[in-house]
């Protein structure tokens, strides 16, 4: 008869960026999610979204926003179902709204 191992009753949690606690309800990751992703992927440097107002203040931010919007629009068209593309609560549409794309 095999003995059962004693556990503390807690299971290991997955990183915050994969769970609800690390995601922003308006789209993208919140600060906790970005930090947990950076811990899991050393060398990465995730930054918060850039809105139109922020892009007006910095050329670098405007360039980053323009590239993100172009990339995500392409993903929305090619990689999502028509149902997801039309759903205002899908993660991709929330992210596009957060970045003021479209």
PDB file of N, CA and C in Angstrom:
ATOM      1  N   UNK A   1       0.836  -1.175   0.000  1.00  0.00           N
ATOM      2  CA  UNK A   1       0.000   0.000   0.000  1.00  0.00           C
ATOM      3  C   UNK A   1       0.884   1.243   0.000  1.00  0.00           C
ATOM      4  N   UNK A   2       0.645   2.124  -0.932  1.00  0.00           N
ATOM      5  CA  UNK A   2       1.447   3.342  -1.068  1.00  0.00           C
ATOM      6  C   UNK A   2       0.971   4.398  -0.077  1.00  0.00           C
ATOM      7  N   UNK A   3       1.944   5.108   0.452  1.00  0.00           N
ATOM      8  CA  UNK A   3       1.609   6.178   1.385  1.00  0.00           C
ATOM      9  C   UNK A   3       1.278   7.444   0.610  1.00  0.00           C
ATOM     10  N   UNK A   4       0.339   8.200   1.135  1.00  0.00           N
ATOM     11  CA  UNK A   4       0.011   9.494   0.535  1.00  0.00           C
ATOM     12  C   UNK A   4       0.980  10.535   1.074  1.00  0.00           C
ATOM     13  N   UNK A   5       1.401  11.420   0.181  1.00  0.00           N
ATOM     14  CA  UNK A   5       2.282  12.498   0.605  1.00  0.00           C
ATOM     15  C   UNK A   5       1.466  13.590   1.270  1.00  0.00           C
ATOM     16  N   UNK A   6       2.018  14.124   2.308  1.00  0.00           N
ATOM     17  CA  UNK A   6       1.350  15.239   2.988  1.00  0.00           C
ATOM     18  C   UNK A   6       1.553  16.506   2.167  1.00  0.00           C
ATOM     19  N   UNK A   7       0.472  17.206   1.898  1.00  0.00           N
ATOM     20  CA  UNK A   7       0.569  18.484   1.183  1.00  0.00           C
ATOM     21  C   UNK A   7       0.012  19.573   2.065  1.00  0.00           C
ATOM     22  N   UNK A   8       0.378  20.754   1.778  1.00  0.00           N
ATOM     23  CA  UNK A   8      -0.084  21.882   2.581  1.00  0.00           C
ATOM     24  C   UNK A   8      -1.496  22.298   2.204  1.00  0.00           C
ATOM     25  N   UNK A   9      -2.090  21.634   1.223  1.00  0.00           N
ATOM     26  CA  UNK A   9      -3.443  21.971   0.827  1.00  0.00           C
ATOM     27  C   UNK A   9      -3.508  23.053  -0.229  1.00  0.00           C
ATOM     28  N   UNK A  10      -2.371  23.609  -0.592  1.00  0.00           N
ATOM     29  CA  UNK A  10      -2.338  24.669  -1.605  1.00  0.00           C
ATOM     30  C   UNK A  10      -1.645  24.131  -2.847  1.00  0.00           C
ATOM     31  N   UNK A  11      -2.234  24.421  -4.007  1.00  0.00           N
ATOM     32  CA  UNK A  11      -1.558  24.031  -5.230  1.00  0.00           C
ATOM     33  C   UNK A  11      -0.777  25.229  -5.755  1.00  0.00           C
ATOM     34  N   UNK A  12       0.187  24.916  -6.577  1.00  0.00           N
ATOM     35  CA  UNK A  12       0.985  25.990  -7.172  1.00  0.00           C
ATOM     36  C   UNK A  12       0.115  26.755  -8.161  1.00  0.00           C
ATOM     37  N   UNK A  13       0.146  28.064  -8.056  1.00  0.00           N
ATOM     38  CA  UNK A  13      -0.649  28.893  -8.957  1.00  0.00           C
ATOM     39  C   UNK A  13       0.095  29.115 -10.259  1.00  0.00           C
ATOM     40  N   UNK A  14      -0.669  29.267 -11.309  1.00  0.00           N
ATOM     41  CA  UNK A  14      -0.064  29.638 -12.591  1.00  0.00           C
ATOM     42  C   UNK A  14       0.287  31.120 -12.530  1.00  0.00           C
ATOM     43  N   UNK A  15       1.142  31.585 -13.433  1.00  0.00           N
ATOM     44  CA  UNK A  15       1.525  33.007 -13.405  1.00  0.00           C
ATOM     45  C   UNK A  15       0.304  33.916 -13.563  1.00  0.00           C
ATOM     46  N   UNK A  16       0.375  35.091 -12.970  1.00  0.00           N
ATOM     47  CA  UNK A  16      -0.756  36.029 -12.970  1.00  0.00           C
ATOM     48  C   UNK A  16      -1.154  36.443 -14.379  1.00  0.00           C
ATOM     49  N   UNK A  17      -0.191  36.506 -15.306  1.00  0.00           N
ATOM     50  CA  UNK A  17      -0.527  36.969 -16.651  1.00  0.00           C
ATOM     51  C   UNK A  17      -1.412  35.983 -17.398  1.00  0.00           C
ATOM     52  N   UNK A  18      -1.514  34.736 -16.905  1.00  0.00           N
ATOM     53  CA  UNK A  18      -2.400  33.755 -17.536  1.00  0.00           C
ATOM     54  C   UNK A  18      -3.746  33.664 -16.826  1.00  0.00           C
ATOM     55  N   UNK A  19      -3.852  34.316 -15.666  1.00  0.00           N
ATOM     56  CA  UNK A  19      -5.091  34.275 -14.897  1.00  0.00           C
ATOM     57  C   UNK A  19      -5.812  35.609 -14.950  1.00  0.00           C
ATOM     58  N   UNK A  20      -7.022  35.620 -14.475  1.00  0.00           N
ATOM     59  CA  UNK A  20      -7.850  36.826 -14.472  1.00  0.00           C
ATOM     60  C   UNK A  20      -7.211  37.953 -13.657  1.00  0.00           C
ATOM     61  N   UNK A  21      -6.519  37.584 -12.570  1.00  0.00           N
ATOM     62  CA  UNK A  21      -5.945  38.609 -11.699  1.00  0.00           C
ATOM     63  C   UNK A  21      -4.857  39.432 -12.386  1.00  0.00           C
ATOM     64  N   UNK A  22      -4.267  38.917 -13.469  1.00  0.00           N
ATOM     65  CA  UNK A  22      -3.219  39.646 -14.165  1.00  0.00           C
ATOM     66  C   UNK A  22      -3.703  40.362 -15.413  1.00  0.00           C
ATOM     67  N   UNK A  23      -4.998  40.229 -15.705  1.00  0.00           N
ATOM     68  CA  UNK A  23      -5.541  40.842 -16.913  1.00  0.00           C
ATOM     69  C   UNK A  23      -6.368  42.063 -16.567  1.00  0.00           C
ATOM     70  N   UNK A  24      -6.280  43.059 -17.391  1.00  0.00           N
ATOM     71  CA  UNK A  24      -7.067  44.268 -17.226  1.00  0.00           C
ATOM     72  C   UNK A  24      -8.453  44.010 -17.807  1.00  0.00           C
ATOM     73  N   UNK A  25      -9.488  44.358 -17.095  1.00  0.00           N
ATOM     74  CA  UNK A  25     -10.847  44.095 -17.589  1.00  0.00           C
ATOM     75  C   UNK A  25     -11.157  44.891 -18.855  1.00  0.00           C
ATOM     76  N   UNK A  26     -10.400  45.940 -19.117  1.00  0.00           N
ATOM     77  CA  UNK A  26     -10.605  46.763 -20.313  1.00  0.00           C
ATOM     78  C   UNK A  26      -9.714  46.329 -21.469  1.00  0.00           C
ATOM     79  N   UNK A  27      -8.921  45.297 -21.286  1.00  0.00           N
ATOM     80  CA  UNK A  27      -8.062  44.775 -22.342  1.00  0.00           C
ATOM     81  C   UNK A  27      -6.595  44.823 -21.972  1.00  0.00           C
ATOM     82  N   UNK A  28      -5.849  43.823 -22.375  1.00  0.00           N
ATOM     83  CA  UNK A  28      -4.420  43.760 -22.097  1.00  0.00           C
ATOM     84  C   UNK A  28      -4.128  43.275 -20.689  1.00  0.00           C
ATOM     85  N   UNK A  29      -2.897  43.458 -20.266  1.00  0.00           N
ATOM     86  CA  UNK A  29      -2.466  43.037 -18.935  1.00  0.00           C
ATOM     87  C   UNK A  29      -2.377  44.242 -18.010  1.00  0.00           C
ATOM     88  N   UNK A  30      -2.649  43.995 -16.732  1.00  0.00           N
ATOM     89  CA  UNK A  30      -2.442  45.053 -15.756  1.00  0.00           C
ATOM     90  C   UNK A  30      -0.992  44.984 -15.272  1.00  0.00           C
ATOM     91  N   UNK A  31      -0.617  45.843 -14.344  1.00  0.00           N
ATOM     92  CA  UNK A  31       0.767  45.897 -13.867  1.00  0.00           C
ATOM     93  C   UNK A  31       1.199  44.559 -13.274  1.00  0.00           C
ATOM     94  N   UNK A  32       0.326  43.920 -12.509  1.00  0.00           N
ATOM     95  CA  UNK A  32       0.646  42.625 -11.902  1.00  0.00           C
ATOM     96  C   UNK A  32       0.920  41.584 -12.994  1.00  0.00           C
ATOM     97  N   UNK A  33       0.116  41.598 -14.040  1.00  0.00           N
ATOM     98  CA  UNK A  33       0.289  40.665 -15.139  1.00  0.00           C
ATOM     99  C   UNK A  33       1.593  40.893 -15.894  1.00  0.00           C
ATOM    100  N   UNK A  34       1.918  42.169 -16.134  1.00  0.00           N
ATOM    101  CA  UNK A  34       3.165  42.486 -16.831  1.00  0.00           C
ATOM    102  C   UNK A  34       4.371  42.046 -16.015  1.00  0.00           C
ATOM    103  N   UNK A  35       4.332  42.285 -14.714  1.00  0.00           N
ATOM    104  CA  UNK A  35       5.456  41.887 -13.847  1.00  0.00           C
ATOM    105  C   UNK A  35       5.619  40.363 -13.807  1.00  0.00           C
ATOM    106  N   UNK A  36       4.503  39.628 -13.723  1.00  0.00           N
ATOM    107  CA  UNK A  36       4.608  38.165 -13.670  1.00  0.00           C
ATOM    108  C   UNK A  36       5.119  37.612 -14.997  1.00  0.00           C
ATOM    109  N   UNK A  37       4.739  38.235 -16.112  1.00  0.00           N
ATOM    110  CA  UNK A  37       5.252  37.800 -17.418  1.00  0.00           C
ATOM    111  C   UNK A  37       6.756  38.034 -17.497  1.00  0.00           C
ATOM    112  N   UNK A  38       7.208  39.172 -17.005  1.00  0.00           N
ATOM    113  CA  UNK A  38       8.631  39.487 -17.032  1.00  0.00           C
ATOM    114  C   UNK A  38       9.436  38.535 -16.153  1.00  0.00           C
ATOM    115  N   UNK A  39       8.857  38.106 -15.023  1.00  0.00           N
ATOM    116  CA  UNK A  39       9.534  37.120 -14.170  1.00  0.00           C
ATOM    117  C   UNK A  39       9.644  35.770 -14.882  1.00  0.00           C
ATOM    118  N   UNK A  40       8.579  35.377 -15.578  1.00  0.00           N
ATOM    119  CA  UNK A  40       8.560  34.088 -16.266  1.00  0.00           C
ATOM    120  C   UNK A  40       9.403  34.101 -17.538  1.00  0.00           C
ATOM    121  N   UNK A  41       9.614  35.279 -18.116  1.00  0.00           N
ATOM    122  CA  UNK A  41      10.363  35.412 -19.367  1.00  0.00           C
ATOM    123  C   UNK A  41      11.457  36.457 -19.202  1.00  0.00           C
ATOM    124  N   UNK A  42      12.585  36.073 -18.602  1.00  0.00           N
ATOM    125  CA  UNK A  42      13.665  37.039 -18.360  1.00  0.00           C
ATOM    126  C   UNK A  42      14.114  37.716 -19.652  1.00  0.00           C
ATOM    127  N   UNK A  43      14.389  38.988 -19.554  1.00  0.00           N
ATOM    128  CA  UNK A  43      14.823  39.754 -20.714  1.00  0.00           C
ATOM    129  C   UNK A  43      13.683  40.493 -21.396  1.00  0.00           C
ATOM    130  N   UNK A  44      12.451  40.132 -21.073  1.00  0.00           N
ATOM    131  CA  UNK A  44      11.318  40.831 -21.678  1.00  0.00           C
ATOM    132  C   UNK A  44      11.084  42.141 -20.941  1.00  0.00           C
ATOM    133  N   UNK A  45      10.463  43.084 -21.618  1.00  0.00           N
ATOM    134  CA  UNK A  45      10.199  44.390 -21.026  1.00  0.00           C
ATOM    135  C   UNK A  45       8.854  44.884 -21.541  1.00  0.00           C
ATOM    136  N   UNK A  46       7.768  44.415 -20.926  1.00  0.00           N
ATOM    137  CA  UNK A  46       6.436  44.818 -21.358  1.00  0.00           C
ATOM    138  C   UNK A  46       6.112  46.203 -20.827  1.00  0.00           C
ATOM    139  N   UNK A  47       5.500  46.989 -21.674  1.00  0.00           N
ATOM    140  CA  UNK A  47       5.124  48.349 -21.302  1.00  0.00           C
ATOM    141  C   UNK A  47       3.609  48.481 -21.367  1.00  0.00           C
ATOM    142  N   UNK A  48       3.039  49.435 -20.642  1.00  0.00           N
ATOM    143  CA  UNK A  48       1.582  49.639 -20.685  1.00  0.00           C
ATOM    144  C   UNK A  48       1.139  50.191 -22.038  1.00  0.00           C
ATOM    145  N   UNK A  49      -0.158  50.096 -22.343  1.00  0.00           N
ATOM    146  CA  UNK A  49      -0.670  50.596 -23.623  1.00  0.00           C
ATOM    147  C   UNK A  49      -0.470  52.099 -23.793  1.00  0.00           C
ATOM    148  N   UNK A  50      -0.459  52.528 -25.050  1.00  0.00           N
ATOM    149  CA  UNK A  50      -0.295  53.943 -25.395  1.00  0.00           C
ATOM    150  C   UNK A  50      -1.595  54.420 -26.041  1.00  0.00           C
ATOM    151  N   UNK A  51      -2.207  55.440 -25.472  1.00  0.00           N
ATOM    152  CA  UNK A  51      -3.435  55.994 -26.052  1.00  0.00           C
ATOM    153  C   UNK A  51      -3.073  57.114 -27.026  1.00  0.00           C
ATOM    154  N   UNK A  52      -4.056  57.621 -27.737  1.00  0.00           N
ATOM    155  CA  UNK A  52      -3.818  58.726 -28.682  1.00  0.00           C
ATOM    156  C   UNK A  52      -3.233  59.943 -27.968  1.00  0.00           C
ATOM    157  N   UNK A  53      -3.781  60.250 -26.792  1.00  0.00           N
ATOM    158  CA  UNK A  53      -3.317  61.420 -26.036  1.00  0.00           C
ATOM    159  C   UNK A  53      -1.841  61.270 -25.669  1.00  0.00           C
ATOM    160  N   UNK A  54      -1.438  60.082 -25.246  1.00  0.00           N
ATOM    161  CA  UNK A  54      -0.041  59.854 -24.888  1.00  0.00           C
ATOM    162  C   UNK A  54       0.845  59.885 -26.130  1.00  0.00           C
ATOM    163  N   UNK A  55       0.306  59.386 -27.247  1.00  0.00           N
ATOM    164  CA  UNK A  55       1.080  59.341 -28.491  1.00  0.00           C
ATOM    165  C   UNK A  55       1.380  60.745 -29.002  1.00  0.00           C
ATOM    166  N   UNK A  56       0.504  61.690 -28.734  1.00  0.00           N
ATOM    167  CA  UNK A  56       0.734  63.072 -29.170  1.00  0.00           C
ATOM    168  C   UNK A  56       1.920  63.697 -28.452  1.00  0.00           C
ATOM    169  N   UNK A  57       2.220  63.219 -27.251  1.00  0.00           N
ATOM    170  CA  UNK A  57       3.296  63.792 -26.444  1.00  0.00           C
ATOM    171  C   UNK A  57       4.668  63.246 -26.826  1.00  0.00           C
ATOM    172  N   UNK A  58       4.708  62.066 -27.454  1.00  0.00           N
ATOM    173  CA  UNK A  58       5.988  61.426 -27.727  1.00  0.00           C
ATOM    174  C   UNK A  58       5.973  60.729 -29.085  1.00  0.00           C
ATOM    175  N   UNK A  59       6.962  61.028 -29.906  1.00  0.00           N
ATOM    176  CA  UNK A  59       7.054  60.377 -31.218  1.00  0.00           C
ATOM    177  C   UNK A  59       7.318  58.887 -31.065  1.00  0.00           C
ATOM    178  N   UNK A  60       8.121  58.533 -30.073  1.00  0.00           N
ATOM    179  CA  UNK A  60       8.452  57.128 -29.835  1.00  0.00           C
ATOM    180  C   UNK A  60       7.188  56.347 -29.452  1.00  0.00           C
ATOM    181  N   UNK A  61       6.377  56.927 -28.588  1.00  0.00           N
ATOM    182  CA  UNK A  61       5.128  56.277 -28.172  1.00  0.00           C
ATOM    183  C   UNK A  61       4.154  56.187 -29.343  1.00  0.00           C
ATOM    184  N   UNK A  62       4.123  57.228 -30.179  1.00  0.00           N
ATOM    185  CA  UNK A  62       3.224  57.232 -31.339  1.00  0.00           C
ATOM    186  C   UNK A  62       3.605  56.126 -32.318  1.00  0.00           C
ATOM    187  N   UNK A  63       4.890  55.937 -32.510  1.00  0.00           N
ATOM    188  CA  UNK A  63       5.381  54.896 -33.410  1.00  0.00           C
ATOM    189  C   UNK A  63       5.018  53.507 -32.874  1.00  0.00           C
ATOM    190  N   UNK A  64       5.200  53.330 -31.568  1.00  0.00           N
ATOM    191  CA  UNK A  64       4.873  52.054 -30.925  1.00  0.00           C
ATOM    192  C   UNK A  64       3.379  51.755 -31.050  1.00  0.00           C
ATOM    193  N   UNK A  65       2.555  52.768 -30.841  1.00  0.00           N
ATOM    194  CA  UNK A  65       1.098  52.599 -30.939  1.00  0.00           C
ATOM    195  C   UNK A  65       0.691  52.247 -32.361  1.00  0.00           C
ATOM    196  N   UNK A  66       1.267  52.923 -33.336  1.00  0.00           N
ATOM    197  CA  UNK A  66       0.938  52.677 -34.743  1.00  0.00           C
ATOM    198  C   UNK A  66       1.278  51.237 -35.138  1.00  0.00           C
ATOM    199  N   UNK A  67       2.436  50.766 -34.708  1.00  0.00           N
ATOM    200  CA  UNK A  67       2.858  49.393 -35.016  1.00  0.00           C
ATOM    201  C   UNK A  67       1.942  48.374 -34.341  1.00  0.00           C
ATOM    202  N   UNK A  68       1.600  48.625 -33.078  1.00  0.00           N
ATOM    203  CA  UNK A  68       0.728  47.706 -32.352  1.00  0.00           C
ATOM    204  C   UNK A  68      -0.636  47.610 -33.037  1.00  0.00           C
ATOM    205  N   UNK A  69      -1.209  48.762 -33.384  1.00  0.00           N
ATOM    206  CA  UNK A  69      -2.536  48.773 -34.010  1.00  0.00           C
ATOM    207  C   UNK A  69      -2.528  48.018 -35.333  1.00  0.00           C
ATOM    208  N   UNK A  70      -1.494  48.224 -36.135  1.00  0.00           N
ATOM    209  CA  UNK A  70      -1.404  47.534 -37.420  1.00  0.00           C
ATOM    210  C   UNK A  70      -1.295  46.021 -37.214  1.00  0.00           C
ATOM    211  N   UNK A  71      -0.463  45.621 -36.258  1.00  0.00           N
ATOM    212  CA  UNK A  71      -0.257  44.189 -35.989  1.00  0.00           C
ATOM    213  C   UNK A  71      -1.538  43.529 -35.464  1.00  0.00           C
ATOM    214  N   UNK A  72      -2.203  44.185 -34.540  1.00  0.00           N
ATOM    215  CA  UNK A  72      -3.415  43.603 -33.951  1.00  0.00           C
ATOM    216  C   UNK A  72      -4.588  43.587 -34.930  1.00  0.00           C
ATOM    217  N   UNK A  73      -4.700  44.594 -35.787  1.00  0.00           N
ATOM    218  CA  UNK A  73      -5.756  44.589 -36.797  1.00  0.00           C
ATOM    219  C   UNK A  73      -5.570  43.387 -37.715  1.00  0.00           C
ATOM    220  N   UNK A  74      -4.313  43.103 -38.087  1.00  0.00           N
ATOM    221  CA  UNK A  74      -4.018  41.943 -38.927  1.00  0.00           C
ATOM    222  C   UNK A  74      -4.375  40.644 -38.228  1.00  0.00           C
ATOM    223  N   UNK A  75      -4.060  40.553 -36.936  1.00  0.00           N
ATOM    224  CA  UNK A  75      -4.393  39.350 -36.174  1.00  0.00           C
ATOM    225  C   UNK A  75      -5.895  39.176 -36.087  1.00  0.00           C
ATOM    226  N   UNK A  76      -6.590  40.273 -35.880  1.00  0.00           N
ATOM    227  CA  UNK A  76      -8.048  40.212 -35.760  1.00  0.00           C
ATOM    228  C   UNK A  76      -8.659  39.667 -37.052  1.00  0.00           C
ATOM    229  N   UNK A  77      -8.155  40.128 -38.194  1.00  0.00           N
ATOM    230  CA  UNK A  77      -8.696  39.688 -39.481  1.00  0.00           C
ATOM    231  C   UNK A  77      -8.319  38.244 -39.800  1.00  0.00           C
ATOM    232  N   UNK A  78      -7.082  37.851 -39.529  1.00  0.00           N
ATOM    233  CA  UNK A  78      -6.580  36.551 -39.964  1.00  0.00           C
ATOM    234  C   UNK A  78      -6.767  35.428 -38.944  1.00  0.00           C
ATOM    235  N   UNK A  79      -6.656  35.751 -37.659  1.00  0.00           N
ATOM    236  CA  UNK A  79      -6.571  34.687 -36.660  1.00  0.00           C
ATOM    237  C   UNK A  79      -7.803  34.498 -35.783  1.00  0.00           C
ATOM    238  N   UNK A  80      -8.832  35.294 -35.969  1.00  0.00           N
ATOM    239  CA  UNK A  80     -10.010  35.131 -35.132  1.00  0.00           C
ATOM    240  C   UNK A  80     -11.201  34.731 -35.984  1.00  0.00           C
ATOM    241  N   UNK A  81     -12.158  34.098 -35.342  1.00  0.00           N
ATOM    242  CA  UNK A  81     -13.386  33.745 -36.048  1.00  0.00           C
ATOM    243  C   UNK A  81     -14.212  35.010 -36.250  1.00  0.00           C
ATOM    244  N   UNK A  82     -15.176  34.945 -37.147  1.00  0.00           N
ATOM    245  CA  UNK A  82     -16.010  36.126 -37.394  1.00  0.00           C
ATOM    246  C   UNK A  82     -16.810  36.485 -36.150  1.00  0.00           C
ATOM    247  N   UNK A  83     -17.171  35.473 -35.362  1.00  0.00           N
ATOM    248  CA  UNK A  83     -17.916  35.712 -34.122  1.00  0.00           C
ATOM    249  C   UNK A  83     -17.052  36.496 -33.126  1.00  0.00           C
ATOM    250  N   UNK A  84     -15.811  36.074 -32.957  1.00  0.00           N
ATOM    251  CA  UNK A  84     -14.896  36.754 -32.038  1.00  0.00           C
ATOM    252  C   UNK A  84     -14.579  38.164 -32.523  1.00  0.00           C
ATOM    253  N   UNK A  85     -14.400  38.318 -33.816  1.00  0.00           N
ATOM    254  CA  UNK A  85     -14.063  39.627 -34.375  1.00  0.00           C
ATOM    255  C   UNK A  85     -15.179  40.643 -34.127  1.00  0.00           C
ATOM    256  N   UNK A  86     -16.416  40.176 -34.097  1.00  0.00           N
ATOM    257  CA  UNK A  86     -17.557  41.082 -33.899  1.00  0.00           C
ATOM    258  C   UNK A  86     -17.920  41.277 -32.429  1.00  0.00           C
ATOM    259  N   UNK A  87     -17.441  40.394 -31.567  1.00  0.00           N
ATOM    260  CA  UNK A  87     -17.782  40.443 -30.147  1.00  0.00           C
ATOM    261  C   UNK A  87     -17.061  41.607 -29.466  1.00  0.00           C
ATOM    262  N   UNK A  88     -17.783  42.592 -28.928  1.00  0.00           N
ATOM    263  CA  UNK A  88     -17.110  43.737 -28.295  1.00  0.00           C
ATOM    264  C   UNK A  88     -16.367  43.360 -27.023  1.00  0.00           C
ATOM    265  N   UNK A  89     -16.681  42.210 -26.430  1.00  0.00           N
ATOM    266  CA  UNK A  89     -16.017  41.805 -25.196  1.00  0.00           C
ATOM    267  C   UNK A  89     -14.885  40.816 -25.409  1.00  0.00           C
ATOM    268  N   UNK A  90     -14.490  40.560 -26.661  1.00  0.00           N
ATOM    269  CA  UNK A  90     -13.364  39.660 -26.903  1.00  0.00           C
ATOM    270  C   UNK A  90     -12.079  40.380 -26.489  1.00  0.00           C
ATOM    271  N   UNK A  91     -11.070  39.619 -26.076  1.00  0.00           N
ATOM    272  CA  UNK A  91      -9.823  40.200 -25.594  1.00  0.00           C
ATOM    273  C   UNK A  91      -9.164  41.076 -26.671  1.00  0.00           C
ATOM    274  N   UNK A  92      -9.232  40.642 -27.916  1.00  0.00           N
ATOM    275  CA  UNK A  92      -8.581  41.402 -28.988  1.00  0.00           C
ATOM    276  C   UNK A  92      -9.274  42.746 -29.206  1.00  0.00           C
ATOM    277  N   UNK A  93     -10.595  42.774 -29.147  1.00  0.00           N
ATOM    278  CA  UNK A  93     -11.316  44.040 -29.320  1.00  0.00           C
ATOM    279  C   UNK A  93     -11.114  44.968 -28.122  1.00  0.00           C
ATOM    280  N   UNK A  94     -11.024  44.406 -26.943  1.00  0.00           N
ATOM    281  CA  UNK A  94     -10.752  45.225 -25.766  1.00  0.00           C
ATOM    282  C   UNK A  94      -9.368  45.866 -25.863  1.00  0.00           C
ATOM    283  N   UNK A  95      -8.393  45.080 -26.323  1.00  0.00           N
ATOM    284  CA  UNK A  95      -7.031  45.610 -26.461  1.00  0.00           C
ATOM    285  C   UNK A  95      -7.002  46.729 -27.506  1.00  0.00           C
ATOM    286  N   UNK A  96      -7.693  46.535 -28.617  1.00  0.00           N
ATOM    287  CA  UNK A  96      -7.724  47.572 -29.658  1.00  0.00           C
ATOM    288  C   UNK A  96      -8.379  48.861 -29.151  1.00  0.00           C
ATOM    289  N   UNK A  97      -9.397  48.721 -28.333  1.00  0.00           N
ATOM    290  CA  UNK A  97     -10.037  49.910 -27.737  1.00  0.00           C
ATOM    291  C   UNK A  97      -9.109  50.598 -26.750  1.00  0.00           C
ATOM    292  N   UNK A  98      -8.405  49.796 -25.950  1.00  0.00           N
ATOM    293  CA  UNK A  98      -7.491  50.354 -24.948  1.00  0.00           C
ATOM    294  C   UNK A  98      -6.393  51.189 -25.602  1.00  0.00           C
ATOM    295  N   UNK A  99      -5.943  50.751 -26.768  1.00  0.00           N
ATOM    296  CA  UNK A  99      -4.888  51.450 -27.495  1.00  0.00           C
ATOM    297  C   UNK A  99      -5.457  52.522 -28.417  1.00  0.00           C
ATOM    298  N   UNK A 100      -6.767  52.734 -28.424  1.00  0.00           N
ATOM    299  CA  UNK A 100      -7.429  53.703 -29.302  1.00  0.00           C
ATOM    300  C   UNK A 100      -7.174  53.409 -30.781  1.00  0.00           C
ATOM    301  N   UNK A 101      -7.241  52.145 -31.139  1.00  0.00           N
ATOM    302  CA  UNK A 101      -7.040  51.741 -32.536  1.00  0.00           C
ATOM    303  C   UNK A 101      -8.396  51.720 -33.227  1.00  0.00           C
ATOM    304  N   UNK A 102      -8.425  52.255 -34.404  1.00  0.00           N
ATOM    305  CA  UNK A 102      -9.622  52.079 -35.202  1.00  0.00           C
ATOM    306  C   UNK A 102     -10.540  53.185 -35.195  1.00  0.00           C
TER     307      UNK A 102
END
